[in-house]
Amino acid sequence: MRGQMQSKKDTHKEVLLNNVLGVLIGLITMRIMLPLIEGLSFETRSIIIVTVMFCLSYTRGYAIRRFFNKRLMS
């Protein structure tokens, strides 16, 4: 089902929120995660960090997109 298009202003709000939350979540996640993976090899730490950050980024982006779409349809 096609609804109305998001305004440029709302698009900027969405992108800004996504980026600000991404930085904050990333900083908090790294602060928690780094001590937990301290003894692992560089390669293993890299794989874990990239995987966790990808999952968080995907989930955050999806949740924010759904939030703005739901708000638009209301």
N, C-alpha and C. Protein backbone atom coordinates (compact mmCIF):
# COMPACT_ATOMS: atom_id res chain seq x y z
N MET A 1 0.85 -1.18 0.00
CA MET A 1 0.00 0.00 0.00
C MET A 1 0.89 1.24 0.00
N ARG A 2 0.59 2.16 -0.86
CA ARG A 2 1.38 3.38 -0.96
C ARG A 2 0.68 4.50 -0.22
N GLY A 3 1.43 5.20 0.61
CA GLY A 3 0.89 6.33 1.34
C GLY A 3 1.51 7.61 0.83
N GLN A 4 1.41 8.62 1.65
CA GLN A 4 2.01 9.89 1.26
C GLN A 4 3.52 9.83 1.44
N MET A 5 4.21 10.68 0.70
CA MET A 5 5.66 10.73 0.79
C MET A 5 6.10 11.52 2.01
N GLN A 6 7.24 11.14 2.52
CA GLN A 6 7.84 11.85 3.65
C GLN A 6 8.38 13.20 3.16
N SER A 7 8.17 14.24 3.96
CA SER A 7 8.69 15.56 3.58
C SER A 7 10.21 15.57 3.74
N LYS A 8 10.85 16.53 3.08
CA LYS A 8 12.31 16.66 3.20
C LYS A 8 12.71 16.92 4.64
N LYS A 9 11.91 17.72 5.34
CA LYS A 9 12.20 18.03 6.74
C LYS A 9 12.15 16.77 7.60
N ASP A 10 11.13 15.94 7.38
CA ASP A 10 11.02 14.69 8.13
C ASP A 10 12.14 13.72 7.78
N THR A 11 12.56 13.72 6.52
CA THR A 11 13.68 12.87 6.12
C THR A 11 14.95 13.30 6.85
N HIS A 12 15.18 14.60 6.94
CA HIS A 12 16.35 15.10 7.67
C HIS A 12 16.28 14.72 9.15
N LYS A 13 15.09 14.81 9.73
CA LYS A 13 14.92 14.42 11.14
C LYS A 13 15.25 12.94 11.33
N GLU A 14 14.75 12.12 10.42
CA GLU A 14 15.00 10.68 10.51
C GLU A 14 16.48 10.36 10.39
N VAL A 15 17.14 10.95 9.41
CA VAL A 15 18.56 10.69 9.19
C VAL A 15 19.39 11.19 10.37
N LEU A 16 19.06 12.37 10.87
CA LEU A 16 19.79 12.92 12.02
C LEU A 16 19.61 12.03 13.25
N LEU A 17 18.38 11.62 13.53
CA LEU A 17 18.12 10.74 14.67
C LEU A 17 18.89 9.43 14.53
N ASN A 18 18.87 8.86 13.34
CA ASN A 18 19.57 7.61 13.10
C ASN A 18 21.07 7.76 13.35
N ASN A 19 21.65 8.85 12.87
CA ASN A 19 23.09 9.06 13.05
C ASN A 19 23.47 9.36 14.49
N VAL A 20 22.70 10.20 15.16
CA VAL A 20 22.99 10.53 16.56
C VAL A 20 22.87 9.28 17.43
N LEU A 21 21.78 8.54 17.25
CA LEU A 21 21.63 7.30 18.02
C LEU A 21 22.74 6.30 17.68
N GLY A 22 23.15 6.26 16.43
CA GLY A 22 24.23 5.36 16.03
C GLY A 22 25.52 5.65 16.76
N VAL A 23 25.87 6.93 16.87
CA VAL A 23 27.09 7.31 17.58
C VAL A 23 26.97 6.95 19.06
N LEU A 24 25.85 7.30 19.68
CA LEU A 24 25.67 7.03 21.11
C LEU A 24 25.65 5.53 21.40
N ILE A 25 24.91 4.78 20.61
CA ILE A 25 24.84 3.33 20.81
C ILE A 25 26.21 2.70 20.56
N GLY A 26 26.92 3.18 19.54
CA GLY A 26 28.25 2.67 19.24
C GLY A 26 29.23 2.90 20.38
N LEU A 27 29.22 4.10 20.93
CA LEU A 27 30.12 4.41 22.05
C LEU A 27 29.82 3.54 23.27
N ILE A 28 28.54 3.42 23.59
CA ILE A 28 28.15 2.60 24.75
C ILE A 28 28.50 1.13 24.51
N THR A 29 28.21 0.65 23.31
CA THR A 29 28.48 -0.75 22.98
C THR A 29 29.98 -1.05 23.07
N MET A 30 30.80 -0.18 22.51
CA MET A 30 32.25 -0.40 22.54
C MET A 30 32.77 -0.38 23.97
N ARG A 31 32.24 0.51 24.77
CA ARG A 31 32.68 0.61 26.18
C ARG A 31 32.35 -0.68 26.93
N ILE A 32 31.23 -1.29 26.62
CA ILE A 32 30.84 -2.55 27.26
C ILE A 32 31.59 -3.73 26.65
N MET A 33 31.72 -3.72 25.33
CA MET A 33 32.23 -4.88 24.62
C MET A 33 33.75 -5.05 24.71
N LEU A 34 34.50 -3.97 24.64
CA LEU A 34 35.96 -4.09 24.60
C LEU A 34 36.56 -4.87 25.77
N PRO A 35 36.14 -4.60 27.01
CA PRO A 35 36.71 -5.40 28.10
C PRO A 35 36.33 -6.89 28.00
N LEU A 36 35.19 -7.18 27.41
CA LEU A 36 34.73 -8.57 27.31
C LEU A 36 35.51 -9.39 26.29
N ILE A 37 36.07 -8.72 25.28
CA ILE A 37 36.78 -9.44 24.21
C ILE A 37 38.28 -9.17 24.26
N GLU A 38 38.75 -8.68 25.38
CA GLU A 38 40.14 -8.26 25.54
C GLU A 38 41.17 -9.33 25.20
N GLY A 39 40.97 -10.56 25.63
CA GLY A 39 41.99 -11.59 25.47
C GLY A 39 41.99 -12.29 24.12
N LEU A 40 41.09 -11.94 23.25
CA LEU A 40 40.97 -12.62 21.96
C LEU A 40 41.96 -12.06 20.94
N SER A 41 42.18 -12.82 19.88
CA SER A 41 43.08 -12.36 18.82
C SER A 41 42.47 -11.15 18.11
N PHE A 42 43.33 -10.40 17.42
CA PHE A 42 42.88 -9.21 16.70
C PHE A 42 41.80 -9.56 15.68
N GLU A 43 42.01 -10.64 14.95
CA GLU A 43 41.06 -11.03 13.91
C GLU A 43 39.70 -11.39 14.51
N THR A 44 39.72 -12.13 15.60
CA THR A 44 38.47 -12.53 16.26
C THR A 44 37.74 -11.31 16.81
N ARG A 45 38.48 -10.41 17.45
CA ARG A 45 37.87 -9.18 17.96
C ARG A 45 37.24 -8.37 16.83
N SER A 46 37.95 -8.27 15.72
CA SER A 46 37.44 -7.51 14.57
C SER A 46 36.14 -8.10 14.05
N ILE A 47 36.11 -9.41 13.91
CA ILE A 47 34.90 -10.08 13.42
C ILE A 47 33.73 -9.86 14.38
N ILE A 48 33.98 -9.99 15.67
CA ILE A 48 32.93 -9.79 16.67
C ILE A 48 32.42 -8.35 16.63
N ILE A 49 33.33 -7.39 16.61
CA ILE A 49 32.94 -5.98 16.61
C ILE A 49 32.12 -5.64 15.37
N VAL A 50 32.60 -6.05 14.20
CA VAL A 50 31.89 -5.76 12.95
C VAL A 50 30.51 -6.41 12.95
N THR A 51 30.42 -7.65 13.40
CA THR A 51 29.14 -8.36 13.42
C THR A 51 28.15 -7.69 14.37
N VAL A 52 28.60 -7.38 15.58
CA VAL A 52 27.71 -6.73 16.56
C VAL A 52 27.27 -5.37 16.06
N MET A 53 28.20 -4.57 15.54
CA MET A 53 27.85 -3.23 15.07
C MET A 53 26.91 -3.29 13.87
N PHE A 54 27.13 -4.25 12.97
CA PHE A 54 26.22 -4.41 11.84
C PHE A 54 24.81 -4.73 12.31
N CYS A 55 24.69 -5.68 13.24
CA CYS A 55 23.37 -6.07 13.75
C CYS A 55 22.68 -4.90 14.45
N LEU A 56 23.42 -4.17 15.26
CA LEU A 56 22.85 -3.00 15.94
C LEU A 56 22.43 -1.93 14.94
N SER A 57 23.26 -1.69 13.94
CA SER A 57 22.96 -0.67 12.93
C SER A 57 21.72 -1.04 12.13
N TYR A 58 21.65 -2.29 11.71
CA TYR A 58 20.50 -2.76 10.93
C TYR A 58 19.22 -2.63 11.75
N THR A 59 19.26 -3.10 12.98
CA THR A 59 18.09 -3.06 13.86
C THR A 59 17.66 -1.63 14.15
N ARG A 60 18.62 -0.77 14.44
CA ARG A 60 18.33 0.64 14.72
C ARG A 60 17.70 1.30 13.50
N GLY A 61 18.29 1.11 12.33
CA GLY A 61 17.77 1.70 11.11
C GLY A 61 16.36 1.22 10.79
N TYR A 62 16.13 -0.08 10.98
CA TYR A 62 14.81 -0.65 10.73
C TYR A 62 13.78 -0.06 11.69
N ALA A 63 14.12 -0.01 12.97
CA ALA A 63 13.19 0.50 13.98
C ALA A 63 12.85 1.97 13.74
N ILE A 64 13.85 2.76 13.41
CA ILE A 64 13.62 4.19 13.16
C ILE A 64 12.77 4.38 11.91
N ARG A 65 13.06 3.60 10.85
CA ARG A 65 12.28 3.70 9.61
C ARG A 65 10.82 3.35 9.87
N ARG A 66 10.58 2.27 10.63
CA ARG A 66 9.21 1.87 10.95
C ARG A 66 8.51 2.94 11.78
N PHE A 67 9.24 3.54 12.74
CA PHE A 67 8.68 4.59 13.58
C PHE A 67 8.23 5.77 12.73
N PHE A 68 9.08 6.22 11.81
CA PHE A 68 8.73 7.37 10.98
C PHE A 68 7.62 7.03 9.99
N ASN A 69 7.61 5.80 9.47
CA ASN A 69 6.52 5.39 8.57
C ASN A 69 5.19 5.35 9.31
N LYS A 70 5.19 4.80 10.52
CA LYS A 70 3.96 4.72 11.31
C LYS A 70 3.45 6.12 11.62
N ARG A 71 4.37 7.02 11.97
CA ARG A 71 4.00 8.40 12.27
C ARG A 71 3.42 9.09 11.04
N LEU A 72 3.97 8.78 9.88
CA LEU A 72 3.52 9.37 8.63
C LEU A 72 2.10 8.90 8.29
N MET A 73 1.82 7.64 8.57
CA MET A 73 0.51 7.07 8.23
C MET A 73 -0.58 7.48 9.22
N SER A 74 -0.20 7.98 10.38
CA SER A 74 -1.21 8.37 11.40
C SER A 74 -1.88 9.67 11.07
